[in-house]
Amino acid sequence: CASYEFQCASGHCISGSSRCDSDYNCMDRSDEDGCKCFTNELTCSSGRCVPSINLCDGVKDCEHGLDELRCGELISSGGCIKSQFSCPDGTCVPWSSTCN
């Protein structure tokens, strides 16, 4: 790859500006690995960020399917927004955080 490009784990080259932009540009999705996640994103155990729009959509974006767990606990109205998790005490926290 050229100095201004990012090399995907597969060896494919993409524009360096496409790295960590919350959009999968590498077919293997490696351009989003190890990036700091935004508050409306879930952080997978690998460090990959999954946008809230991809949570509970039936597609496992995290290696172990973390983004598809606890989907029945999401409140669609009168409670937490889709990018938040409802803790047992009723508080809403970003998926990237944990309930205390």
Protein backbone atom coordinates (compact mmCIF):
# COMPACT_ATOMS: atom_id res chain seq x y z
CA CYS A 1 0.00 0.00 0.00
CA ALA A 2 1.05 3.59 -0.50
CA SER A 3 1.98 5.67 2.55
CA TYR A 4 -1.43 7.39 2.51
CA GLU A 5 -3.34 4.10 2.43
CA PHE A 6 -4.35 1.55 5.05
CA GLN A 7 -3.65 -2.13 4.44
CA CYS A 8 -6.51 -4.41 5.42
CA ALA A 9 -5.71 -7.71 7.13
CA SER A 10 -6.55 -9.36 3.81
CA GLY A 11 -3.82 -7.32 2.09
CA HIS A 12 -6.26 -5.05 0.24
CA CYS A 13 -5.46 -1.30 0.32
CA ILE A 14 -8.00 1.43 1.11
CA SER A 15 -7.73 5.18 1.61
CA GLY A 16 -6.17 6.08 4.96
CA SER A 17 -9.09 8.42 5.65
CA SER A 18 -11.39 5.37 5.66
CA ARG A 19 -9.67 3.96 8.76
CA CYS A 20 -11.77 4.29 11.95
CA ASP A 21 -14.65 6.08 10.23
CA SER A 22 -17.33 3.71 11.63
CA ASP A 23 -17.89 2.31 8.14
CA TYR A 24 -16.52 -1.07 7.07
CA ASN A 25 -14.36 -0.45 4.01
CA CYS A 26 -12.24 -3.61 4.17
CA MET A 27 -14.11 -6.79 3.25
CA ASP A 28 -12.66 -8.35 6.44
CA ARG A 29 -13.70 -5.24 8.43
CA SER A 30 -10.15 -4.81 9.75
CA ASP A 31 -10.24 -1.05 9.07
CA GLU A 32 -12.41 -0.64 12.18
CA ASP A 33 -10.38 -2.92 14.49
CA GLY A 34 -8.63 -1.22 17.42
CA CYS A 35 -10.39 2.12 16.92
CA LYS A 36 -11.78 4.15 19.82
CA CYS A 37 -15.53 3.74 19.78
CA PHE A 38 -18.00 6.60 20.00
CA THR A 39 -20.54 6.64 22.86
CA ASN A 40 -23.30 5.40 20.53
CA GLU A 41 -21.26 2.35 19.51
CA LEU A 42 -20.71 -1.02 21.14
CA THR A 43 -17.10 -2.05 21.76
CA CYS A 44 -16.54 -5.72 20.89
CA SER A 45 -13.99 -7.72 22.89
CA SER A 46 -11.59 -7.36 19.93
CA GLY A 47 -11.90 -3.57 20.10
CA ARG A 48 -14.03 -3.39 16.96
CA CYS A 49 -16.75 -0.72 17.10
CA VAL A 50 -20.29 -1.60 16.10
CA PRO A 51 -22.63 1.33 15.32
CA SER A 52 -25.92 1.30 17.24
CA ILE A 53 -27.83 0.81 13.99
CA ASN A 54 -26.22 -2.65 13.74
CA LEU A 55 -27.20 -3.80 17.24
CA CYS A 56 -29.87 -6.50 17.44
CA ASP A 57 -30.20 -6.70 13.66
CA GLY A 58 -29.71 -10.47 13.45
CA VAL A 59 -26.12 -10.16 12.16
CA LYS A 60 -23.24 -10.95 14.52
CA ASP A 61 -20.78 -8.10 14.01
CA CYS A 62 -18.77 -8.96 17.15
CA GLU A 63 -16.78 -12.20 17.16
CA HIS A 64 -18.89 -13.77 19.92
CA GLY A 65 -22.18 -12.10 18.98
CA LEU A 66 -22.12 -9.54 21.81
CA ASP A 67 -24.04 -7.13 19.59
CA GLU A 68 -26.92 -9.63 19.42
CA LEU A 69 -27.17 -10.38 23.16
CA ARG A 70 -29.71 -8.86 25.55
CA CYS A 71 -31.80 -7.61 22.65
CA GLY A 72 -35.03 -8.39 24.49
CA GLU A 73 -33.99 -5.94 27.17
CA LEU A 74 -33.99 -2.94 24.84
CA ILE A 75 -36.90 -0.57 25.37
CA SER A 76 -38.34 0.82 22.16
CA SER A 77 -40.57 3.53 23.62
CA GLY A 78 -40.72 5.42 26.88
CA GLY A 79 -37.28 4.23 27.92
CA CYS A 80 -33.83 3.75 26.49
CA ILE A 81 -32.97 4.54 22.91
CA LYS A 82 -31.68 1.75 20.67
CA SER A 83 -28.03 2.73 21.24
CA GLN A 84 -28.48 2.33 25.00
CA PHE A 85 -28.83 -0.62 27.33
CA SER A 86 -31.44 -0.69 30.08
CA CYS A 87 -29.87 -1.67 33.40
CA PRO A 88 -31.91 -3.62 35.97
CA ASP A 89 -32.32 -0.43 38.03
CA GLY A 90 -33.92 1.33 35.05
CA THR A 91 -31.01 3.58 34.11
CA CYS A 92 -29.92 3.81 30.48
CA VAL A 93 -26.24 3.57 29.61
CA PRO A 94 -24.42 3.42 26.26
CA TRP A 95 -23.77 -0.13 25.06
CA SER A 96 -20.04 0.68 25.27
CA SER A 97 -20.40 1.05 29.05
CA THR A 98 -21.33 -1.46 31.71
CA CYS A 99 -24.08 -1.34 34.30
CA ASN A 100 -22.83 -0.57 37.81
